[in-house]
Amino acid sequence: MIELANVSVRYPKEVVALHPTTLHFRRGEFNVLLGASGAGKSSLLRSLNLLNTPTTGCVRAADIGVIDTPAKLRLHRSRTGMIFQQHQLISRQTALSNVLLGRIGYHSTWRTLFPLARAEQRIALECLDRVGLLHKATERVDRLSGGQLQRVGIARALAQKPRLMLADEPVASLDPATSRRVLSQLKSICREDGITSVVSLHQVDLAREYADRIIALAHGHVVFDGAPDELTDVLLQTIYDQTPGNIRDVVASQPVMFPVLT
C-alpha cells in the first residue's frame, strides 16, 4: 500500500534522525512504532507523507508510484489523514467546523472562502457520529475533554476519506482508560474502512494490546519488526537501553527483507 525504500532523514549539523530504512505497510494493517524519545519514530512517521523530505531513498504509494512531483504529493496527502498529539484544532470553532477542515483538500483555495456544501457537512457529521460525538457537533472544542478533542481529531482525519492514517503520539496526554478508548475506536474504524494505520506510541502495553505489527526503533535504526507476541522483554530492554554498542548488535541480527509493493 505504501513503502519506504532506503529512506533516511538527516537534519542540519549532520544529525541523522533515520538511517536508510526500507519498510512496506500493507492495506488495513494497524502498525505501531515504538522506541525511546529521539529514536526516530516521528521522523519515520513524517516521512510517510513527506512532511520530512527524505535525504536518501523514496516513498512509493499504490496507484501513484514514487512520490516525486508536486501533483503526486498533493494526491498522496489528500489520501493521508494525520492525527497529532496536541490535537491541532481551532479552539474557538465548533467540533463540526474543525472536522470540515478535513474536506478542504478537495476544493480550491477560492472555494474554501465560502461555506462548504451540505454534502460536505453530512460527511463531517457522519465522521463525528462514528467517533461518538455527534451530540457535540455544535459545541466549541475548547469546552471538550482531552479524549473528546482527540476523537474530533480522528473525525477530521476520517473526513478526508484517507487510505493511510498517521498518528503521532495520539494518546500521550490521556489517562490509561481514555487512551484505550481512543485507540480501540481508531483501530476499529481503520479496520472497517481498510485504512492502513501507522501510530507512534511510548506505551509498550498499549502497543502489545492494539498493534497488528510493531516496529521498534533505536538511534534511527529499525531494531524490531514483527508481531506483538514476538517482542520479548529481553529485546525491549535492549531497545530502551540507549547504549550504541547494544543497538549495533541488534541491528546486525535483524534479517534483511525486500518487501514488494502491492
C-alpha atoms as a PDB file:
ATOM      1  CA  MET A   1       0.000   0.000   0.000  1.00  0.00           C
ATOM      2  CA  ILE A   2       2.867   2.340   0.919  1.00  0.00           C
ATOM      3  CA  GLU A   3       6.591   1.737   1.047  1.00  0.00           C
ATOM      4  CA  LEU A   4       9.705   3.471   2.291  1.00  0.00           C
ATOM      5  CA  ALA A   5      12.581   2.454   0.039  1.00  0.00           C
ATOM      6  CA  ASN A   6      16.025   3.096   1.540  1.00  0.00           C
ATOM      7  CA  VAL A   7      14.712   6.282   3.184  1.00  0.00           C
ATOM      8  CA  SER A   8      16.955   8.224   5.518  1.00  0.00           C
ATOM      9  CA  VAL A   9      16.429  11.579   7.213  1.00  0.00           C
ATOM     10  CA  ARG A  10      19.288  13.891   8.109  1.00  0.00           C
ATOM     11  CA  TYR A  11      18.859  17.234   9.850  1.00  0.00           C
ATOM     12  CA  PRO A  12      21.263  20.215   9.878  1.00  0.00           C
ATOM     13  CA  LYS A  13      24.655  19.779  11.566  1.00  0.00           C
ATOM     14  CA  GLU A  14      24.782  16.171  10.303  1.00  0.00           C
ATOM     15  CA  VAL A  15      22.192  14.893  12.758  1.00  0.00           C
ATOM     16  CA  VAL A  16      20.924  11.547  11.444  1.00  0.00           C
ATOM     17  CA  ALA A  17      17.339  11.013  12.626  1.00  0.00           C
ATOM     18  CA  LEU A  18      16.650   7.951  10.487  1.00  0.00           C
ATOM     19  CA  HIS A  19      19.217   5.665   8.896  1.00  0.00           C
ATOM     20  CA  PRO A  20      18.426   4.073   5.492  1.00  0.00           C
ATOM     21  CA  THR A  21      15.197   2.168   6.050  1.00  0.00           C
ATOM     22  CA  THR A  22      13.022   0.003   3.836  1.00  0.00           C
ATOM     23  CA  LEU A  23       9.531  -0.847   5.089  1.00  0.00           C
ATOM     24  CA  HIS A  24       6.289  -1.899   3.426  1.00  0.00           C
ATOM     25  CA  PHE A  25       2.928  -1.164   5.053  1.00  0.00           C
ATOM     26  CA  ARG A  26       0.013  -3.339   3.976  1.00  0.00           C
ATOM     27  CA  ARG A  27      -3.570  -2.264   3.439  1.00  0.00           C
ATOM     28  CA  GLY A  28      -5.703  -2.283   6.587  1.00  0.00           C
ATOM     29  CA  GLU A  29      -2.767  -3.056   8.899  1.00  0.00           C
ATOM     30  CA  PHE A  30      -2.524  -1.343  12.308  1.00  0.00           C
ATOM     31  CA  ASN A  31       1.181  -0.612  12.775  1.00  0.00           C
ATOM     32  CA  VAL A  32       2.702   0.779  15.973  1.00  0.00           C
ATOM     33  CA  LEU A  33       6.099   2.490  16.170  1.00  0.00           C
ATOM     34  CA  LEU A  34       7.909   2.020  19.490  1.00  0.00           C
ATOM     35  CA  GLY A  35      11.127   3.463  20.840  1.00  0.00           C
ATOM     36  CA  ALA A  36      12.623   5.914  23.284  1.00  0.00           C
ATOM     37  CA  SER A  37      12.425   9.666  22.716  1.00  0.00           C
ATOM     38  CA  GLY A  38      14.728  10.592  19.854  1.00  0.00           C
ATOM     39  CA  ALA A  39      14.753   7.056  18.457  1.00  0.00           C
ATOM     40  CA  GLY A  40      13.419   8.173  15.066  1.00  0.00           C
ATOM     41  CA  LYS A  41       9.704   7.380  15.365  1.00  0.00           C
ATOM     42  CA  SER A  42       8.441  10.826  14.372  1.00  0.00           C
ATOM     43  CA  SER A  43      10.989  11.136  11.578  1.00  0.00           C
ATOM     44  CA  LEU A  44       9.840   7.824  10.106  1.00  0.00           C
ATOM     45  CA  LEU A  45       6.174   8.699  10.553  1.00  0.00           C
ATOM     46  CA  ARG A  46       6.510  12.131   8.954  1.00  0.00           C
ATOM     47  CA  SER A  47       8.442  10.658   6.044  1.00  0.00           C
ATOM     48  CA  LEU A  48       5.343   8.703   5.056  1.00  0.00           C
ATOM     49  CA  ASN A  49       3.546  11.880   3.981  1.00  0.00           C
ATOM     50  CA  LEU A  50       6.826  13.698   3.205  1.00  0.00           C
ATOM     51  CA  LEU A  51       6.461  16.282   5.946  1.00  0.00           C
ATOM     52  CA  ASN A  52      10.084  15.224   6.385  1.00  0.00           C
ATOM     53  CA  THR A  53      11.743  15.165   2.964  1.00  0.00           C
ATOM     54  CA  PRO A  54      13.917  12.044   2.711  1.00  0.00           C
ATOM     55  CA  THR A  55      17.642  12.714   2.451  1.00  0.00           C
ATOM     56  CA  THR A  56      18.025   9.440   0.554  1.00  0.00           C
ATOM     57  CA  GLY A  57      15.581   6.955  -0.910  1.00  0.00           C
ATOM     58  CA  CYS A  58      11.971   7.428  -1.921  1.00  0.00           C
ATOM     59  CA  VAL A  59       8.377   6.859  -0.855  1.00  0.00           C
ATOM     60  CA  ARG A  60       6.079   4.765  -3.049  1.00  0.00           C
ATOM     61  CA  ALA A  61       2.303   4.516  -2.789  1.00  0.00           C
ATOM     62  CA  ALA A  62      -0.107   2.180  -4.538  1.00  0.00           C
ATOM     63  CA  ASP A  63      -1.700   3.727  -7.663  1.00  0.00           C
ATOM     64  CA  ILE A  64       0.806   6.612  -7.501  1.00  0.00           C
ATOM     65  CA  GLY A  65       4.267   5.061  -7.635  1.00  0.00           C
ATOM     66  CA  VAL A  66       7.256   7.076  -6.474  1.00  0.00           C
ATOM     67  CA  ILE A  67       6.040  10.346  -4.974  1.00  0.00           C
ATOM     68  CA  ASP A  68       8.401  12.677  -6.802  1.00  0.00           C
ATOM     69  CA  THR A  69       6.292  15.514  -8.226  1.00  0.00           C
ATOM     70  CA  PRO A  70       4.082  18.197  -6.632  1.00  0.00           C
ATOM     71  CA  ALA A  71       0.972  16.672  -8.248  1.00  0.00           C
ATOM     72  CA  LYS A  72       1.738  13.215  -6.852  1.00  0.00           C
ATOM     73  CA  LEU A  73       2.455  14.711  -3.432  1.00  0.00           C
ATOM     74  CA  ARG A  74      -0.881  16.566  -3.386  1.00  0.00           C
ATOM     75  CA  LEU A  75      -2.726  13.372  -4.324  1.00  0.00           C
ATOM     76  CA  HIS A  76      -0.889  11.355  -1.687  1.00  0.00           C
ATOM     77  CA  ARG A  77      -1.529  13.898   1.062  1.00  0.00           C
ATOM     78  CA  SER A  78      -5.219  14.126   0.134  1.00  0.00           C
ATOM     79  CA  ARG A  79      -5.380  10.384   0.861  1.00  0.00           C
ATOM     80  CA  THR A  80      -3.453  10.634   4.131  1.00  0.00           C
ATOM     81  CA  GLY A  81      -5.069  11.546   7.447  1.00  0.00           C
ATOM     82  CA  MET A  82      -2.921  12.938  10.272  1.00  0.00           C
ATOM     83  CA  ILE A  83      -3.678  12.843  13.999  1.00  0.00           C
ATOM     84  CA  PHE A  84      -1.492  14.939  16.294  1.00  0.00           C
ATOM     85  CA  GLN A  85      -0.579  14.661  19.961  1.00  0.00           C
ATOM     86  CA  GLN A  86      -1.730  18.225  20.683  1.00  0.00           C
ATOM     87  CA  HIS A  87      -4.875  17.907  18.530  1.00  0.00           C
ATOM     88  CA  GLN A  88      -4.136  20.963  16.342  1.00  0.00           C
ATOM     89  CA  LEU A  89      -7.781  22.059  16.483  1.00  0.00           C
ATOM     90  CA  ILE A  90      -9.108  25.626  16.264  1.00  0.00           C
ATOM     91  CA  SER A  91     -10.332  26.191  19.813  1.00  0.00           C
ATOM     92  CA  ARG A  92     -12.850  28.955  19.056  1.00  0.00           C
ATOM     93  CA  GLN A  93     -14.587  26.829  16.386  1.00  0.00           C
ATOM     94  CA  THR A  94     -17.159  24.079  16.847  1.00  0.00           C
ATOM     95  CA  ALA A  95     -16.396  20.395  16.529  1.00  0.00           C
ATOM     96  CA  LEU A  96     -18.235  20.359  13.194  1.00  0.00           C
ATOM     97  CA  SER A  97     -16.213  23.284  11.824  1.00  0.00           C
ATOM     98  CA  ASN A  98     -12.981  21.564  12.794  1.00  0.00           C
ATOM     99  CA  VAL A  99     -13.984  18.292  11.138  1.00  0.00           C
ATOM    100  CA  LEU A 100     -14.931  20.172   7.958  1.00  0.00           C
ATOM    101  CA  LEU A 101     -11.273  21.217   7.681  1.00  0.00           C
ATOM    102  CA  GLY A 102     -10.633  17.640   6.619  1.00  0.00           C
ATOM    103  CA  ARG A 103     -12.570  18.371   3.419  1.00  0.00           C
ATOM    104  CA  ILE A 104     -10.766  21.494   2.226  1.00  0.00           C
ATOM    105  CA  GLY A 105      -8.152  19.471   0.339  1.00  0.00           C
ATOM    106  CA  TYR A 106     -10.882  18.532  -2.117  1.00  0.00           C
ATOM    107  CA  HIS A 107     -11.523  22.169  -3.051  1.00  0.00           C
ATOM    108  CA  SER A 108      -9.652  25.112  -4.499  1.00  0.00           C
ATOM    109  CA  THR A 109      -8.383  27.871  -2.219  1.00  0.00           C
ATOM    110  CA  TRP A 110     -11.035  30.218  -3.633  1.00  0.00           C
ATOM    111  CA  ARG A 111     -13.846  27.739  -2.879  1.00  0.00           C
ATOM    112  CA  THR A 112     -12.789  27.346   0.760  1.00  0.00           C
ATOM    113  CA  LEU A 113     -13.523  31.035   1.395  1.00  0.00           C
ATOM    114  CA  PHE A 114     -17.229  30.167   1.346  1.00  0.00           C
ATOM    115  CA  PRO A 115     -19.299  27.710   3.415  1.00  0.00           C
ATOM    116  CA  LEU A 116     -18.986  24.154   2.158  1.00  0.00           C
ATOM    117  CA  ALA A 117     -21.972  22.391   0.640  1.00  0.00           C
ATOM    118  CA  ARG A 118     -24.460  20.370   2.648  1.00  0.00           C
ATOM    119  CA  ALA A 119     -22.990  17.176   1.231  1.00  0.00           C
ATOM    120  CA  GLU A 120     -19.667  18.058   2.857  1.00  0.00           C
ATOM    121  CA  GLN A 121     -21.408  18.818   6.145  1.00  0.00           C
ATOM    122  CA  ARG A 122     -23.101  15.411   6.018  1.00  0.00           C
ATOM    123  CA  ILE A 123     -19.713  13.747   5.644  1.00  0.00           C
ATOM    124  CA  ALA A 124     -18.389  15.679   8.648  1.00  0.00           C
ATOM    125  CA  LEU A 125     -21.437  14.804  10.757  1.00  0.00           C
ATOM    126  CA  GLU A 126     -21.118  11.138   9.838  1.00  0.00           C
ATOM    127  CA  CYS A 127     -17.476  11.195  10.949  1.00  0.00           C
ATOM    128  CA  LEU A 128     -18.419  12.770  14.282  1.00  0.00           C
ATOM    129  CA  ASP A 129     -21.083  10.106  14.696  1.00  0.00           C
ATOM    130  CA  ARG A 130     -18.534   7.351  14.111  1.00  0.00           C
ATOM    131  CA  VAL A 131     -16.395   8.617  16.995  1.00  0.00           C
ATOM    132  CA  GLY A 132     -19.438   9.040  19.245  1.00  0.00           C
ATOM    133  CA  LEU A 133     -19.505  12.843  19.218  1.00  0.00           C
ATOM    134  CA  LEU A 134     -22.459  13.739  17.021  1.00  0.00           C
ATOM    135  CA  HIS A 135     -24.123  15.347  20.052  1.00  0.00           C
ATOM    136  CA  LYS A 136     -21.093  17.668  20.377  1.00  0.00           C
ATOM    137  CA  ALA A 137     -21.180  18.896  16.756  1.00  0.00           C
ATOM    138  CA  THR A 138     -22.183  22.477  17.589  1.00  0.00           C
ATOM    139  CA  GLU A 139     -20.059  22.795  20.737  1.00  0.00           C
ATOM    140  CA  ARG A 140     -16.806  24.763  20.747  1.00  0.00           C
ATOM    141  CA  VAL A 141     -13.868  22.433  21.064  1.00  0.00           C
ATOM    142  CA  ASP A 142     -12.313  24.421  23.903  1.00  0.00           C
ATOM    143  CA  ARG A 143     -15.160  23.082  26.045  1.00  0.00           C
ATOM    144  CA  LEU A 144     -14.361  19.428  25.332  1.00  0.00           C
ATOM    145  CA  SER A 145     -12.271  16.981  27.345  1.00  0.00           C
ATOM    146  CA  GLY A 146      -8.866  15.722  26.184  1.00  0.00           C
ATOM    147  CA  GLY A 147     -10.289  12.438  24.975  1.00  0.00           C
ATOM    148  CA  GLN A 148     -13.084  14.196  23.111  1.00  0.00           C
ATOM    149  CA  LEU A 149     -10.582  16.551  21.482  1.00  0.00           C
ATOM    150  CA  GLN A 150      -8.585  13.604  20.186  1.00  0.00           C
ATOM    151  CA  ARG A 151     -11.746  11.978  18.839  1.00  0.00           C
ATOM    152  CA  VAL A 152     -12.581  15.222  16.981  1.00  0.00           C
ATOM    153  CA  GLY A 153      -9.072  14.970  15.523  1.00  0.00           C
ATOM    154  CA  ILE A 154      -9.812  11.425  14.383  1.00  0.00           C
ATOM    155  CA  ALA A 155     -13.111  12.560  12.841  1.00  0.00           C
ATOM    156  CA  ARG A 156     -11.313  15.371  10.983  1.00  0.00           C
ATOM    157  CA  ALA A 157      -8.803  12.872   9.570  1.00  0.00           C
ATOM    158  CA  LEU A 158     -11.627  10.498   8.592  1.00  0.00           C
ATOM    159  CA  ALA A 159     -13.376  13.305   6.724  1.00  0.00           C
ATOM    160  CA  GLN A 160     -10.517  13.189   4.218  1.00  0.00           C
ATOM    161  CA  LYS A 161     -11.607   9.646   3.244  1.00  0.00           C
ATOM    162  CA  PRO A 162      -7.998   8.524   3.757  1.00  0.00           C
ATOM    163  CA  ARG A 163      -6.241   5.372   2.653  1.00  0.00           C
ATOM    164  CA  LEU A 164      -3.424   5.991   5.124  1.00  0.00           C
ATOM    165  CA  MET A 165      -3.772   7.221   8.715  1.00  0.00           C
ATOM    166  CA  LEU A 166      -0.770   8.594  10.611  1.00  0.00           C
ATOM    167  CA  ALA A 167      -0.931   9.317  14.347  1.00  0.00           C
ATOM    168  CA  ASP A 168       1.983  10.878  16.239  1.00  0.00           C
ATOM    169  CA  GLU A 169       1.728  10.053  19.956  1.00  0.00           C
ATOM    170  CA  PRO A 170      -2.077  10.422  19.876  1.00  0.00           C
ATOM    171  CA  VAL A 171      -2.668   9.310  23.478  1.00  0.00           C
ATOM    172  CA  ALA A 172       0.432  10.732  25.188  1.00  0.00           C
ATOM    173  CA  SER A 173      -1.598  13.262  27.208  1.00  0.00           C
ATOM    174  CA  LEU A 174      -4.527  10.979  28.041  1.00  0.00           C
ATOM    175  CA  ASP A 175      -5.199   8.784  31.054  1.00  0.00           C
ATOM    176  CA  PRO A 176      -4.976   4.977  30.557  1.00  0.00           C
ATOM    177  CA  ALA A 177      -8.737   4.372  30.280  1.00  0.00           C
ATOM    178  CA  THR A 178      -9.230   7.188  27.760  1.00  0.00           C
ATOM    179  CA  SER A 179      -6.128   6.063  25.836  1.00  0.00           C
ATOM    180  CA  ARG A 180      -7.629   2.606  25.376  1.00  0.00           C
ATOM    181  CA  ARG A 181     -10.972   4.064  24.322  1.00  0.00           C
ATOM    182  CA  VAL A 182      -9.331   6.276  21.687  1.00  0.00           C
ATOM    183  CA  LEU A 183      -7.042   3.543  20.319  1.00  0.00           C
ATOM    184  CA  SER A 184      -9.841   0.988  20.259  1.00  0.00           C
ATOM    185  CA  GLN A 185     -12.065   3.364  18.323  1.00  0.00           C
ATOM    186  CA  LEU A 186      -9.281   4.296  15.917  1.00  0.00           C
ATOM    187  CA  LYS A 187      -8.332   0.681  15.206  1.00  0.00           C
ATOM    188  CA  SER A 188     -11.959  -0.387  14.772  1.00  0.00           C
ATOM    189  CA  ILE A 189     -12.689   2.376  12.248  1.00  0.00           C
ATOM    190  CA  CYS A 190      -9.482   1.746  10.293  1.00  0.00           C
ATOM    191  CA  ARG A 191     -10.226  -1.977  10.129  1.00  0.00           C
ATOM    192  CA  GLU A 192     -13.795  -1.351   8.941  1.00  0.00           C
ATOM    193  CA  ASP A 193     -12.607   1.027   6.212  1.00  0.00           C
ATOM    194  CA  GLY A 194      -9.443  -0.853   5.207  1.00  0.00           C
ATOM    195  CA  ILE A 195      -7.252   2.095   6.214  1.00  0.00           C
ATOM    196  CA  THR A 196      -3.557   1.453   6.757  1.00  0.00           C
ATOM    197  CA  SER A 197      -2.520   2.973  10.103  1.00  0.00           C
ATOM    198  CA  VAL A 198       0.889   3.929  11.464  1.00  0.00           C
ATOM    199  CA  VAL A 199       0.784   5.079  15.091  1.00  0.00           C
ATOM    200  CA  SER A 200       3.727   6.079  17.267  1.00  0.00           C
ATOM    201  CA  LEU A 201       3.416   5.256  20.975  1.00  0.00           C
ATOM    202  CA  HIS A 202       5.511   5.299  24.120  1.00  0.00           C
ATOM    203  CA  GLN A 203       3.343   2.796  25.995  1.00  0.00           C
ATOM    204  CA  VAL A 204       4.559  -0.770  25.396  1.00  0.00           C
ATOM    205  CA  ASP A 205       1.440  -2.292  26.944  1.00  0.00           C
ATOM    206  CA  LEU A 206      -0.816  -0.405  24.532  1.00  0.00           C
ATOM    207  CA  ALA A 207       1.372  -1.392  21.579  1.00  0.00           C
ATOM    208  CA  ARG A 208       1.114  -5.057  22.524  1.00  0.00           C
ATOM    209  CA  GLU A 209      -2.633  -4.763  23.016  1.00  0.00           C
ATOM    210  CA  TYR A 210      -3.615  -2.972  19.803  1.00  0.00           C
ATOM    211  CA  ALA A 211      -0.898  -3.453  17.180  1.00  0.00           C
ATOM    212  CA  ASP A 212      -1.089  -5.936  14.333  1.00  0.00           C
ATOM    213  CA  ARG A 213       2.608  -5.230  13.839  1.00  0.00           C
ATOM    214  CA  ILE A 214       5.206  -3.461  15.972  1.00  0.00           C
ATOM    215  CA  ILE A 215       8.188  -1.630  14.500  1.00  0.00           C
ATOM    216  CA  ALA A 216      10.727  -0.633  17.148  1.00  0.00           C
ATOM    217  CA  LEU A 217      13.454   1.943  16.582  1.00  0.00           C
ATOM    218  CA  ALA A 218      16.617   2.929  18.401  1.00  0.00           C
ATOM    219  CA  HIS A 219      19.117   5.588  17.324  1.00  0.00           C
ATOM    220  CA  GLY A 220      17.396   5.874  13.956  1.00  0.00           C
ATOM    221  CA  HIS A 221      17.583   2.147  13.185  1.00  0.00           C
ATOM    222  CA  VAL A 222      14.714  -0.334  12.926  1.00  0.00           C
ATOM    223  CA  VAL A 223      15.685  -2.958  15.508  1.00  0.00           C
ATOM    224  CA  PHE A 224      12.475  -4.991  15.565  1.00  0.00           C
ATOM    225  CA  ASP A 225       9.704  -5.592  13.038  1.00  0.00           C
ATOM    226  CA  GLY A 226       7.155  -8.253  13.856  1.00  0.00           C
ATOM    227  CA  ALA A 227       4.035  -9.379  15.684  1.00  0.00           C
ATOM    228  CA  PRO A 228       3.429  -8.130  19.249  1.00  0.00           C
ATOM    229  CA  ASP A 229       3.887 -11.604  20.766  1.00  0.00           C
ATOM    230  CA  GLU A 230       7.386 -11.773  19.228  1.00  0.00           C
ATOM    231  CA  LEU A 231       8.559  -8.682  21.123  1.00  0.00           C
ATOM    232  CA  THR A 232      10.259 -10.189  24.160  1.00  0.00           C
ATOM    233  CA  ASP A 233      11.108  -8.420  27.396  1.00  0.00           C
ATOM    234  CA  VAL A 234      14.815  -9.035  26.716  1.00  0.00           C
ATOM    235  CA  LEU A 235      14.566  -7.283  23.338  1.00  0.00           C
ATOM    236  CA  LEU A 236      12.617  -4.420  24.929  1.00  0.00           C
ATOM    237  CA  GLN A 237      15.419  -3.896  27.433  1.00  0.00           C
ATOM    238  CA  THR A 238      17.854  -3.640  24.534  1.00  0.00           C
ATOM    239  CA  ILE A 239      15.609  -1.229  22.637  1.00  0.00           C
ATOM    240  CA  TYR A 240      15.279   1.123  25.584  1.00  0.00           C
ATOM    241  CA  ASP A 241      18.917   0.723  26.663  1.00  0.00           C
ATOM    242  CA  GLN A 242      20.394   3.519  24.547  1.00  0.00           C
ATOM    243  CA  THR A 243      23.926   2.073  24.510  1.00  0.00           C
ATOM    244  CA  PRO A 244      25.151   2.324  20.896  1.00  0.00           C
ATOM    245  CA  GLY A 245      27.025  -0.997  21.067  1.00  0.00           C
ATOM    246  CA  ASN A 246      23.865  -2.853  22.061  1.00  0.00           C
ATOM    247  CA  ILE A 247      21.921  -1.186  19.258  1.00  0.00           C
ATOM    248  CA  ARG A 248      24.549  -2.202  16.668  1.00  0.00           C
ATOM    249  CA  ASP A 249      24.305  -5.814  17.817  1.00  0.00           C
ATOM    250  CA  VAL A 250      20.513  -5.813  17.487  1.00  0.00           C
ATOM    251  CA  VAL A 251      20.615  -4.177  14.039  1.00  0.00           C
ATOM    252  CA  ALA A 252      23.154  -6.704  12.805  1.00  0.00           C
ATOM    253  CA  SER A 253      20.949  -9.587  13.966  1.00  0.00           C
ATOM    254  CA  GLN A 254      17.873  -8.466  12.013  1.00  0.00           C
ATOM    255  CA  PRO A 255      17.067 -10.322   8.755  1.00  0.00           C
ATOM    256  CA  VAL A 256      17.291  -8.335   5.533  1.00  0.00           C
ATOM    257  CA  MET A 257      13.867  -8.081   3.884  1.00  0.00           C
ATOM    258  CA  PHE A 258      12.922  -6.792   0.460  1.00  0.00           C
ATOM    259  CA  PRO A 259       9.140  -6.175   0.510  1.00  0.00           C
ATOM    260  CA  VAL A 260       7.096  -5.941  -2.650  1.00  0.00           C
ATOM    261  CA  LEU A 261       4.597  -3.099  -3.055  1.00  0.00           C
ATOM    262  CA  THR A 262       1.129  -4.305  -3.986  1.00  0.00           C
END
